[in-house]
Amino acid sequence: MAVEQLKAEILTWQSALSAHDAGNFRTSLHLFEPIADTAKIFVNVALIHDRLGERALAIENISRAIELDKYLAIGYLQRGVYFFHGGQYAEALQDFSEAQAMMRTNLEIDYDMLGLPYKLKLQEILFNKLLALLRLENKKEGLVVLQTIIAGSPPPDLAAKVLRTEHSVADAEPVSLVRGARRSLTHFDFIHCIA
């Protein structure tokens, strides 16, 4: 019986992904929700809610993912992004700090072994932390974080973001799981990779 249940769950998972790919986000949510029992699925549900502009539901579901996996650094990062976009900079800062702590001594965590072609980099988390600090007008701690970013030899794309941020903090966007993300997701390839 357990094998049949697992098979049914996998088929539901595949149907949810297919619905998503077809742009049927509500159908995808409808299919995901009954099988949402792992951090991976809750992350997917959160990302879909965010894409639909439902930030509160995105936060609720990413929080469930974190409850199931308290070491899920990408969960803290993404929830921090949601808080940041909602103007909740203190909460965003707290989550970016948690993501940093979950990195332990790693400069990056490659989630590819979990089926996610995403490398979470400490430098990106620090950049997001810097933005939250600057929005909270905590320039002293922000300067320390900026020095840490620079000392870590950031990749060219992040270095360019840091330089642009120095000139226009008000327009700077945090690094998100989904590249190109602003208030709504524009590239949504993350969902396929966390099955």
N, C-alpha and C. Protein backbone atom coordinates (compact mmCIF):
# COMPACT_ATOMS: atom_id res chain seq x y z
N MET A 1 0.82 -1.20 0.00
CA MET A 1 0.00 0.00 0.00
C MET A 1 0.86 1.26 0.00
N ALA A 2 1.98 1.25 0.73
CA ALA A 2 2.86 2.41 0.81
C ALA A 2 3.46 2.73 -0.56
N VAL A 3 3.74 1.70 -1.35
CA VAL A 3 4.30 1.91 -2.68
C VAL A 3 3.27 2.58 -3.59
N GLU A 4 2.03 2.15 -3.50
CA GLU A 4 0.97 2.76 -4.30
C GLU A 4 0.75 4.22 -3.91
N GLN A 5 0.84 4.50 -2.63
CA GLN A 5 0.67 5.87 -2.14
C GLN A 5 1.81 6.75 -2.64
N LEU A 6 3.03 6.23 -2.60
CA LEU A 6 4.19 6.98 -3.09
C LEU A 6 4.06 7.23 -4.59
N LYS A 7 3.61 6.22 -5.33
CA LYS A 7 3.42 6.37 -6.77
C LYS A 7 2.38 7.45 -7.06
N ALA A 8 1.28 7.44 -6.32
CA ALA A 8 0.23 8.44 -6.51
C ALA A 8 0.76 9.84 -6.19
N GLU A 9 1.59 9.95 -5.17
CA GLU A 9 2.16 11.26 -4.81
C GLU A 9 3.10 11.76 -5.89
N ILE A 10 3.90 10.88 -6.45
CA ILE A 10 4.82 11.27 -7.52
C ILE A 10 4.04 11.72 -8.76
N LEU A 11 2.97 11.00 -9.09
CA LEU A 11 2.14 11.39 -10.23
C LEU A 11 1.48 12.74 -9.98
N THR A 12 1.04 12.98 -8.76
CA THR A 12 0.44 14.27 -8.41
C THR A 12 1.49 15.37 -8.53
N TRP A 13 2.70 15.09 -8.06
CA TRP A 13 3.81 16.04 -8.15
C TRP A 13 4.05 16.41 -9.61
N GLN A 14 4.12 15.39 -10.48
CA GLN A 14 4.36 15.65 -11.90
C GLN A 14 3.21 16.45 -12.52
N SER A 15 1.99 16.14 -12.12
CA SER A 15 0.83 16.90 -12.63
C SER A 15 0.90 18.35 -12.17
N ALA A 16 1.32 18.56 -10.94
CA ALA A 16 1.45 19.94 -10.42
C ALA A 16 2.49 20.71 -11.20
N LEU A 17 3.61 20.06 -11.52
CA LEU A 17 4.65 20.72 -12.32
C LEU A 17 4.15 21.02 -13.73
N SER A 18 3.43 20.08 -14.32
CA SER A 18 2.89 20.29 -15.66
C SER A 18 1.89 21.45 -15.66
N ALA A 19 1.05 21.51 -14.65
CA ALA A 19 0.08 22.61 -14.55
C ALA A 19 0.81 23.94 -14.44
N HIS A 20 1.87 23.95 -13.64
CA HIS A 20 2.66 25.17 -13.50
C HIS A 20 3.24 25.60 -14.84
N ASP A 21 3.84 24.63 -15.55
CA ASP A 21 4.47 24.94 -16.84
C ASP A 21 3.47 25.48 -17.85
N ALA A 22 2.24 25.04 -17.72
CA ALA A 22 1.19 25.50 -18.63
C ALA A 22 0.62 26.84 -18.19
N GLY A 23 1.13 27.38 -17.09
CA GLY A 23 0.65 28.67 -16.60
C GLY A 23 -0.59 28.57 -15.74
N ASN A 24 -0.95 27.36 -15.38
CA ASN A 24 -2.13 27.14 -14.53
C ASN A 24 -1.69 27.09 -13.06
N PHE A 25 -1.37 28.24 -12.51
CA PHE A 25 -0.80 28.30 -11.17
C PHE A 25 -1.79 27.87 -10.09
N ARG A 26 -3.05 28.22 -10.25
CA ARG A 26 -4.06 27.80 -9.27
C ARG A 26 -4.23 26.29 -9.27
N THR A 27 -4.22 25.71 -10.46
CA THR A 27 -4.31 24.24 -10.56
C THR A 27 -3.09 23.60 -9.92
N SER A 28 -1.94 24.18 -10.19
CA SER A 28 -0.70 23.67 -9.61
C SER A 28 -0.78 23.70 -8.08
N LEU A 29 -1.25 24.82 -7.53
CA LEU A 29 -1.42 24.91 -6.07
C LEU A 29 -2.40 23.87 -5.57
N HIS A 30 -3.51 23.72 -6.28
CA HIS A 30 -4.54 22.76 -5.89
C HIS A 30 -3.97 21.35 -5.83
N LEU A 31 -3.06 21.02 -6.74
CA LEU A 31 -2.45 19.70 -6.76
C LEU A 31 -1.36 19.55 -5.70
N PHE A 32 -0.58 20.60 -5.48
CA PHE A 32 0.50 20.54 -4.50
C PHE A 32 -0.02 20.46 -3.06
N GLU A 33 -1.04 21.23 -2.75
CA GLU A 33 -1.44 21.40 -1.35
C GLU A 33 -1.77 20.08 -0.63
N PRO A 34 -2.48 19.12 -1.25
CA PRO A 34 -2.76 17.88 -0.51
C PRO A 34 -1.52 17.03 -0.22
N ILE A 35 -0.46 17.22 -0.99
CA ILE A 35 0.75 16.42 -0.77
C ILE A 35 1.86 17.23 -0.08
N ALA A 36 1.52 18.42 0.37
CA ALA A 36 2.52 19.30 1.01
C ALA A 36 2.84 18.77 2.40
N ASP A 37 3.93 18.00 2.45
CA ASP A 37 4.37 17.46 3.73
C ASP A 37 5.89 17.52 3.89
N THR A 38 6.56 18.15 2.92
CA THR A 38 8.01 18.29 3.01
C THR A 38 8.39 19.75 2.78
N ALA A 39 9.58 20.09 3.23
CA ALA A 39 10.07 21.46 3.05
C ALA A 39 10.12 21.81 1.57
N LYS A 40 10.52 20.87 0.73
CA LYS A 40 10.64 21.13 -0.71
C LYS A 40 9.30 21.54 -1.31
N ILE A 41 8.25 20.82 -0.95
CA ILE A 41 6.93 21.14 -1.52
C ILE A 41 6.45 22.49 -1.00
N PHE A 42 6.66 22.77 0.29
CA PHE A 42 6.23 24.05 0.83
C PHE A 42 6.99 25.21 0.18
N VAL A 43 8.25 25.00 -0.17
CA VAL A 43 8.99 26.05 -0.88
C VAL A 43 8.34 26.30 -2.23
N ASN A 44 7.99 25.24 -2.95
CA ASN A 44 7.32 25.40 -4.24
C ASN A 44 6.00 26.15 -4.10
N VAL A 45 5.20 25.75 -3.11
CA VAL A 45 3.91 26.40 -2.89
C VAL A 45 4.13 27.89 -2.59
N ALA A 46 5.14 28.19 -1.77
CA ALA A 46 5.44 29.59 -1.45
C ALA A 46 5.81 30.38 -2.70
N LEU A 47 6.63 29.81 -3.55
CA LEU A 47 7.05 30.50 -4.76
C LEU A 47 5.88 30.75 -5.71
N ILE A 48 4.96 29.81 -5.77
CA ILE A 48 3.78 30.01 -6.62
C ILE A 48 2.92 31.13 -6.05
N HIS A 49 2.69 31.10 -4.74
CA HIS A 49 1.91 32.17 -4.12
C HIS A 49 2.56 33.53 -4.38
N ASP A 50 3.87 33.58 -4.29
CA ASP A 50 4.57 34.85 -4.56
C ASP A 50 4.34 35.28 -6.00
N ARG A 51 4.40 34.33 -6.90
CA ARG A 51 4.18 34.66 -8.31
C ARG A 51 2.79 35.22 -8.54
N LEU A 52 1.83 34.75 -7.75
CA LEU A 52 0.45 35.22 -7.86
C LEU A 52 0.23 36.51 -7.08
N GLY A 53 1.30 37.03 -6.46
CA GLY A 53 1.18 38.28 -5.71
C GLY A 53 0.59 38.09 -4.32
N GLU A 54 0.60 36.88 -3.83
CA GLU A 54 0.02 36.55 -2.53
C GLU A 54 1.14 36.40 -1.49
N ARG A 55 1.72 37.55 -1.13
CA ARG A 55 2.89 37.55 -0.27
C ARG A 55 2.62 36.89 1.09
N ALA A 56 1.47 37.15 1.69
CA ALA A 56 1.18 36.57 3.01
C ALA A 56 1.16 35.04 2.95
N LEU A 57 0.57 34.49 1.89
CA LEU A 57 0.56 33.04 1.73
C LEU A 57 1.95 32.51 1.39
N ALA A 58 2.72 33.28 0.66
CA ALA A 58 4.10 32.88 0.37
C ALA A 58 4.90 32.80 1.67
N ILE A 59 4.74 33.81 2.52
CA ILE A 59 5.45 33.81 3.81
C ILE A 59 5.00 32.64 4.67
N GLU A 60 3.69 32.40 4.70
CA GLU A 60 3.15 31.30 5.50
C GLU A 60 3.75 29.96 5.06
N ASN A 61 3.82 29.74 3.76
CA ASN A 61 4.32 28.46 3.26
C ASN A 61 5.83 28.32 3.36
N ILE A 62 6.56 29.40 3.15
CA ILE A 62 8.01 29.30 3.31
C ILE A 62 8.34 29.11 4.79
N SER A 63 7.52 29.66 5.67
CA SER A 63 7.70 29.45 7.11
C SER A 63 7.47 27.99 7.48
N ARG A 64 6.49 27.37 6.84
CA ARG A 64 6.26 25.93 7.07
C ARG A 64 7.47 25.12 6.62
N ALA A 65 8.05 25.51 5.49
CA ALA A 65 9.25 24.82 5.00
C ALA A 65 10.37 24.92 6.03
N ILE A 66 10.53 26.11 6.60
CA ILE A 66 11.58 26.32 7.61
C ILE A 66 11.29 25.52 8.87
N GLU A 67 10.01 25.43 9.25
CA GLU A 67 9.65 24.62 10.42
C GLU A 67 10.03 23.16 10.21
N LEU A 68 9.88 22.67 9.00
CA LEU A 68 10.22 21.28 8.69
C LEU A 68 11.72 21.06 8.54
N ASP A 69 12.44 22.09 8.15
CA ASP A 69 13.89 21.99 7.99
C ASP A 69 14.52 23.27 8.49
N LYS A 70 14.84 23.29 9.78
CA LYS A 70 15.34 24.52 10.40
C LYS A 70 16.71 24.94 9.87
N TYR A 71 17.36 24.09 9.07
CA TYR A 71 18.66 24.43 8.49
C TYR A 71 18.54 24.86 7.03
N LEU A 72 17.34 25.09 6.56
CA LEU A 72 17.07 25.43 5.16
C LEU A 72 17.47 26.89 4.89
N ALA A 73 18.72 27.09 4.61
CA ALA A 73 19.25 28.45 4.40
C ALA A 73 18.50 29.17 3.29
N ILE A 74 18.17 28.45 2.20
CA ILE A 74 17.45 29.10 1.11
C ILE A 74 16.05 29.52 1.54
N GLY A 75 15.48 28.82 2.49
CA GLY A 75 14.17 29.20 3.02
C GLY A 75 14.23 30.53 3.75
N TYR A 76 15.26 30.68 4.59
CA TYR A 76 15.44 31.95 5.30
C TYR A 76 15.72 33.09 4.32
N LEU A 77 16.55 32.79 3.31
CA LEU A 77 16.85 33.82 2.31
C LEU A 77 15.57 34.29 1.63
N GLN A 78 14.77 33.33 1.14
CA GLN A 78 13.59 33.72 0.37
C GLN A 78 12.55 34.40 1.25
N ARG A 79 12.37 33.92 2.50
CA ARG A 79 11.41 34.59 3.38
C ARG A 79 11.89 36.01 3.68
N GLY A 80 13.20 36.17 3.84
CA GLY A 80 13.76 37.50 4.02
C GLY A 80 13.46 38.41 2.85
N VAL A 81 13.52 37.86 1.63
CA VAL A 81 13.19 38.64 0.43
C VAL A 81 11.72 39.06 0.47
N TYR A 82 10.85 38.12 0.87
CA TYR A 82 9.42 38.46 0.97
C TYR A 82 9.20 39.59 1.98
N PHE A 83 9.85 39.47 3.14
CA PHE A 83 9.72 40.52 4.14
C PHE A 83 10.25 41.85 3.61
N PHE A 84 11.41 41.80 2.95
CA PHE A 84 12.02 43.01 2.40
C PHE A 84 11.05 43.71 1.46
N HIS A 85 10.46 42.94 0.55
CA HIS A 85 9.53 43.53 -0.42
C HIS A 85 8.27 44.06 0.24
N GLY A 86 7.96 43.55 1.42
CA GLY A 86 6.81 44.05 2.16
C GLY A 86 7.15 45.21 3.08
N GLY A 87 8.40 45.69 3.02
CA GLY A 87 8.82 46.80 3.86
C GLY A 87 9.09 46.41 5.30
N GLN A 88 9.16 45.12 5.58
CA GLN A 88 9.43 44.61 6.92
C GLN A 88 10.94 44.34 7.04
N TYR A 89 11.69 45.42 7.10
CA TYR A 89 13.15 45.31 7.02
C TYR A 89 13.77 44.64 8.24
N ALA A 90 13.22 44.84 9.42
CA ALA A 90 13.77 44.18 10.62
C ALA A 90 13.60 42.66 10.51
N GLU A 91 12.44 42.22 10.04
CA GLU A 91 12.20 40.79 9.86
C GLU A 91 13.10 40.24 8.75
N ALA A 92 13.26 41.02 7.68
CA ALA A 92 14.14 40.60 6.59
C ALA A 92 15.57 40.45 7.10
N LEU A 93 16.02 41.42 7.87
CA LEU A 93 17.37 41.36 8.44
C LEU A 93 17.54 40.11 9.29
N GLN A 94 16.54 39.82 10.10
CA GLN A 94 16.62 38.63 10.96
C GLN A 94 16.74 37.36 10.11
N ASP A 95 15.95 37.26 9.05
CA ASP A 95 16.03 36.07 8.21
C ASP A 95 17.33 36.00 7.42
N PHE A 96 17.82 37.13 6.94
CA PHE A 96 19.11 37.10 6.25
C PHE A 96 20.22 36.69 7.22
N SER A 97 20.13 37.12 8.46
CA SER A 97 21.11 36.72 9.48
C SER A 97 21.00 35.22 9.77
N GLU A 98 19.77 34.69 9.80
CA GLU A 98 19.58 33.24 9.99
C GLU A 98 20.16 32.47 8.81
N ALA A 99 19.91 32.95 7.60
CA ALA A 99 20.47 32.30 6.42
C ALA A 99 22.00 32.28 6.51
N GLN A 100 22.57 33.40 6.94
CA GLN A 100 24.02 33.48 7.11
C GLN A 100 24.48 32.46 8.14
N ALA A 101 23.77 32.33 9.25
CA ALA A 101 24.14 31.37 10.30
C ALA A 101 24.05 29.93 9.79
N MET A 102 23.04 29.65 8.96
CA MET A 102 22.86 28.30 8.43
C MET A 102 23.97 27.93 7.44
N MET A 103 24.67 28.92 6.94
CA MET A 103 25.80 28.65 6.04
C MET A 103 26.98 28.06 6.81
N ARG A 104 26.97 28.26 8.14
CA ARG A 104 28.06 27.84 9.01
C ARG A 104 29.38 28.37 8.45
N THR A 105 30.29 27.51 8.09
CA THR A 105 31.59 27.98 7.58
C THR A 105 31.67 27.90 6.05
N ASN A 106 30.56 27.59 5.41
CA ASN A 106 30.53 27.45 3.95
C ASN A 106 30.41 28.81 3.27
N LEU A 107 31.13 28.97 2.18
CA LEU A 107 30.99 30.17 1.35
C LEU A 107 29.83 30.03 0.39
N GLU A 108 29.46 28.79 0.10
CA GLU A 108 28.29 28.52 -0.72
C GLU A 108 27.77 27.14 -0.38
N ILE A 109 26.48 26.97 -0.63
CA ILE A 109 25.85 25.66 -0.49
C ILE A 109 25.27 25.32 -1.85
N ASP A 110 25.69 24.20 -2.38
CA ASP A 110 25.22 23.74 -3.68
C ASP A 110 24.01 22.83 -3.43
N TYR A 111 22.85 23.31 -3.79
CA TYR A 111 21.62 22.54 -3.59
C TYR A 111 21.37 21.55 -4.72
N ASP A 112 22.33 21.42 -5.62
CA ASP A 112 22.19 20.49 -6.74
C ASP A 112 21.99 19.06 -6.25
N MET A 113 22.63 18.69 -5.15
CA MET A 113 22.48 17.33 -4.65
C MET A 113 21.05 17.06 -4.17
N LEU A 114 20.29 18.11 -3.95
CA LEU A 114 18.87 17.96 -3.62
C LEU A 114 18.00 18.13 -4.85
N GLY A 115 18.63 18.24 -6.02
CA GLY A 115 17.89 18.40 -7.26
C GLY A 115 17.61 19.84 -7.62
N LEU A 116 18.27 20.77 -6.95
CA LEU A 116 18.04 22.19 -7.20
C LEU A 116 19.31 22.80 -7.78
N PRO A 117 19.29 23.21 -9.05
CA PRO A 117 20.50 23.80 -9.63
C PRO A 117 20.69 25.25 -9.15
N TYR A 118 20.93 25.39 -7.89
CA TYR A 118 21.10 26.71 -7.30
C TYR A 118 22.21 26.64 -6.27
N LYS A 119 23.13 27.55 -6.36
CA LYS A 119 24.19 27.66 -5.37
C LYS A 119 23.94 28.91 -4.55
N LEU A 120 23.62 28.70 -3.30
CA LEU A 120 23.40 29.82 -2.39
C LEU A 120 24.77 30.29 -1.91
N LYS A 121 25.06 31.54 -2.16
CA LYS A 121 26.37 32.09 -1.83
C LYS A 121 26.28 33.03 -0.62
N LEU A 122 27.23 32.89 0.26
CA LEU A 122 27.30 33.74 1.44
C LEU A 122 27.32 35.21 1.03
N GLN A 123 28.03 35.54 -0.04
CA GLN A 123 28.12 36.92 -0.51
C GLN A 123 26.74 37.49 -0.83
N GLU A 124 25.86 36.66 -1.43
CA GLU A 124 24.52 37.13 -1.76
C GLU A 124 23.70 37.39 -0.50
N ILE A 125 23.83 36.51 0.46
CA ILE A 125 23.13 36.70 1.73
C ILE A 125 23.61 37.99 2.39
N LEU A 126 24.92 38.20 2.37
CA LEU A 126 25.47 39.42 2.97
C LEU A 126 24.98 40.67 2.24
N PHE A 127 24.87 40.58 0.92
CA PHE A 127 24.35 41.72 0.16
C PHE A 127 22.93 42.04 0.60
N ASN A 128 22.09 41.02 0.73
CA ASN A 128 20.72 41.24 1.18
C ASN A 128 20.70 41.82 2.60
N LYS A 129 21.58 41.32 3.43
CA LYS A 129 21.68 41.83 4.80
C LYS A 129 22.08 43.31 4.78
N LEU A 130 23.00 43.65 3.90
CA LEU A 130 23.43 45.05 3.75
C LEU A 130 22.24 45.94 3.36
N LEU A 131 21.45 45.49 2.40
CA LEU A 131 20.29 46.28 1.98
C LEU A 131 19.32 46.49 3.13
N ALA A 132 19.05 45.44 3.89
CA ALA A 132 18.13 45.56 5.03
C ALA A 132 18.68 46.53 6.06
N LEU A 133 19.97 46.43 6.34
CA LEU A 133 20.59 47.34 7.31
C LEU A 133 20.50 48.79 6.84
N LEU A 134 20.75 49.01 5.57
CA LEU A 134 20.68 50.37 5.04
C LEU A 134 19.25 50.90 5.07
N ARG A 135 18.28 50.06 4.78
CA ARG A 135 16.88 50.49 4.86
C ARG A 135 16.48 50.80 6.30
N LEU A 136 17.13 50.13 7.25
CA LEU A 136 16.88 50.39 8.68
C LEU A 136 17.75 51.54 9.20
N GLU A 137 18.52 52.14 8.27
CA GLU A 137 19.41 53.26 8.58
C GLU A 137 20.49 52.90 9.60
N ASN A 138 20.91 51.65 9.57
CA ASN A 138 21.99 51.18 10.43
C ASN A 138 23.27 51.15 9.59
N LYS A 139 23.80 52.34 9.33
CA LYS A 139 24.94 52.48 8.44
C LYS A 139 26.22 51.91 9.04
N LYS A 140 26.35 51.97 10.35
CA LYS A 140 27.57 51.46 10.98
C LYS A 140 27.70 49.95 10.77
N GLU A 141 26.67 49.20 11.08
CA GLU A 141 26.73 47.76 10.85
C GLU A 141 26.74 47.45 9.35
N GLY A 142 26.04 48.27 8.57
CA GLY A 142 26.05 48.10 7.12
C GLY A 142 27.45 48.22 6.54
N LEU A 143 28.23 49.14 7.07
CA LEU A 143 29.61 49.31 6.61
C LEU A 143 30.45 48.07 6.91
N VAL A 144 30.23 47.47 8.08
CA VAL A 144 30.95 46.24 8.43
C VAL A 144 30.59 45.12 7.45
N VAL A 145 29.31 44.99 7.13
CA VAL A 145 28.87 43.97 6.19
C VAL A 145 29.44 44.26 4.80
N LEU A 146 29.42 45.51 4.38
CA LEU A 146 29.98 45.88 3.08
C LEU A 146 31.47 45.52 3.01
N GLN A 147 32.22 45.79 4.07
CA GLN A 147 33.64 45.44 4.11
C GLN A 147 33.83 43.93 4.01
N THR A 148 32.93 43.18 4.64
CA THR A 148 33.01 41.72 4.57
C THR A 148 32.75 41.23 3.15
N ILE A 149 31.79 41.85 2.48
CA ILE A 149 31.49 41.48 1.10
C ILE A 149 32.71 41.74 0.22
N ILE A 150 33.26 42.92 0.34
CA ILE A 150 34.42 43.30 -0.49
C ILE A 150 35.62 42.42 -0.20
N ALA A 151 35.84 42.11 1.07
CA ALA A 151 36.98 41.25 1.45
C ALA A 151 36.84 39.84 0.90
N GLY A 152 35.60 39.43 0.65
CA GLY A 152 35.35 38.08 0.15
C GLY A 152 35.45 37.94 -1.35
N SER A 153 35.94 38.95 -2.05
CA SER A 153 36.06 38.93 -3.51
C SER A 153 34.76 38.47 -4.16
N PRO A 154 33.76 39.34 -4.15
CA PRO A 154 32.46 38.94 -4.71
C PRO A 154 32.55 38.70 -6.21
N PRO A 155 31.68 37.82 -6.74
CA PRO A 155 31.66 37.62 -8.18
C PRO A 155 31.29 38.93 -8.88
N PRO A 156 31.69 39.09 -10.14
CA PRO A 156 31.49 40.37 -10.84
C PRO A 156 30.05 40.89 -10.83
N ASP A 157 29.05 39.99 -10.98
CA ASP A 157 27.67 40.47 -11.01
C ASP A 157 27.25 41.04 -9.66
N LEU A 158 27.69 40.41 -8.59
CA LEU A 158 27.36 40.92 -7.26
C LEU A 158 28.16 42.19 -6.96
N ALA A 159 29.41 42.24 -7.39
CA ALA A 159 30.21 43.44 -7.18
C ALA A 159 29.55 44.64 -7.87
N ALA A 160 29.02 44.41 -9.06
CA ALA A 160 28.34 45.49 -9.78
C ALA A 160 27.09 45.94 -9.03
N LYS A 161 26.35 45.00 -8.43
CA LYS A 161 25.17 45.36 -7.65
C LYS A 161 25.57 46.20 -6.44
N VAL A 162 26.68 45.81 -5.79
CA VAL A 162 27.16 46.55 -4.62
C VAL A 162 27.50 47.97 -5.02
N LEU A 163 28.20 48.13 -6.15
CA LEU A 163 28.56 49.47 -6.60
C LEU A 163 27.33 50.31 -6.93
N ARG A 164 26.34 49.71 -7.59
CA ARG A 164 25.10 50.44 -7.89
C ARG A 164 24.37 50.80 -6.60
N THR A 165 24.42 49.93 -5.61
CA THR A 165 23.72 50.16 -4.35
C THR A 165 24.30 51.37 -3.63
N GLU A 166 25.61 51.53 -3.73
CA GLU A 166 26.23 52.69 -3.07
C GLU A 166 25.64 53.99 -3.59
N HIS A 167 25.20 54.00 -4.83
CA HIS A 167 24.66 55.22 -5.43
C HIS A 167 23.16 55.35 -5.25
N SER A 168 22.45 54.23 -5.14
CA SER A 168 20.99 54.29 -5.07
C SER A 168 20.43 53.15 -4.23
N VAL A 169 20.50 53.29 -2.93
CA VAL A 169 19.98 52.28 -2.02
C VAL A 169 18.48 52.10 -2.19
N ALA A 170 17.77 53.16 -2.46
CA ALA A 170 16.31 53.10 -2.55
C ALA A 170 15.84 52.17 -3.66
N ASP A 171 16.62 52.01 -4.72
CA ASP A 171 16.21 51.18 -5.85
C ASP A 171 16.80 49.78 -5.82
N ALA A 172 17.68 49.50 -4.90
CA ALA A 172 18.37 48.21 -4.88
C ALA A 172 17.40 47.10 -4.49
N GLU A 173 17.55 45.97 -5.16
CA GLU A 173 16.72 44.80 -4.91
C GLU A 173 17.57 43.69 -4.30
N PRO A 174 17.01 42.93 -3.36
CA PRO A 174 17.76 41.82 -2.79
C PRO A 174 17.91 40.68 -3.78
N VAL A 175 18.92 39.86 -3.58
CA VAL A 175 19.12 38.66 -4.38
C VAL A 175 18.07 37.65 -3.92
N SER A 176 17.40 37.03 -4.89
CA SER A 176 16.32 36.09 -4.62
C SER A 176 16.68 34.72 -5.19
N LEU A 177 15.95 33.70 -4.78
CA LEU A 177 16.15 32.37 -5.34
C LEU A 177 15.95 32.36 -6.84
N VAL A 178 15.07 33.20 -7.29
CA VAL A 178 14.73 33.23 -8.70
C VAL A 178 15.40 34.44 -9.33
N ARG A 179 16.32 34.20 -10.21
CA ARG A 179 17.06 35.28 -10.85
C ARG A 179 16.11 36.20 -11.59
N GLY A 180 16.38 37.47 -11.54
CA GLY A 180 15.55 38.42 -12.25
C GLY A 180 14.30 38.78 -11.47
N ALA A 181 14.20 38.28 -10.24
CA ALA A 181 12.98 38.52 -9.47
C ALA A 181 12.92 39.96 -8.99
N ARG A 182 11.78 40.53 -9.10
CA ARG A 182 11.50 41.82 -8.49
C ARG A 182 10.31 41.54 -7.58
N ARG A 183 9.29 42.31 -7.62
CA ARG A 183 8.15 42.04 -6.74
C ARG A 183 7.35 40.82 -7.19
N SER A 184 7.38 40.51 -8.45
CA SER A 184 6.79 39.26 -8.91
C SER A 184 7.87 38.50 -9.67
N LEU A 185 7.73 37.20 -9.72
CA LEU A 185 8.78 36.40 -10.31
C LEU A 185 8.73 36.48 -11.83
N THR A 186 9.89 36.57 -12.43
CA THR A 186 9.94 36.61 -13.88
C THR A 186 10.57 35.35 -14.44
N HIS A 187 11.42 34.69 -13.70
CA HIS A 187 12.03 33.43 -14.11
C HIS A 187 11.67 32.42 -13.03
N PHE A 188 10.97 31.38 -13.40
CA PHE A 188 10.43 30.47 -12.39
C PHE A 188 10.92 29.05 -12.65
N ASP A 189 12.20 28.87 -12.89
CA ASP A 189 12.72 27.55 -13.17
C ASP A 189 13.04 26.78 -11.90
N PHE A 190 12.99 27.45 -10.76
CA PHE A 190 13.30 26.83 -9.47
C PHE A 190 12.38 25.67 -9.16
N ILE A 191 11.14 25.77 -9.52
CA ILE A 191 10.12 24.81 -9.09
C ILE A 191 10.43 23.38 -9.54
N HIS A 192 11.02 23.19 -10.69
CA HIS A 192 11.28 21.85 -11.21
C HIS A 192 12.38 21.14 -10.45
N CYS A 193 13.18 21.87 -9.77
CA CYS A 193 14.43 21.32 -9.30
C CYS A 193 14.38 20.83 -7.87
N ILE A 194 13.28 20.99 -7.19
CA ILE A 194 13.29 20.58 -5.79
C ILE A 194 12.37 19.39 -5.53
N ALA A 195 12.14 18.62 -6.57
CA ALA A 195 11.32 17.42 -6.42
C ALA A 195 12.05 16.36 -5.63
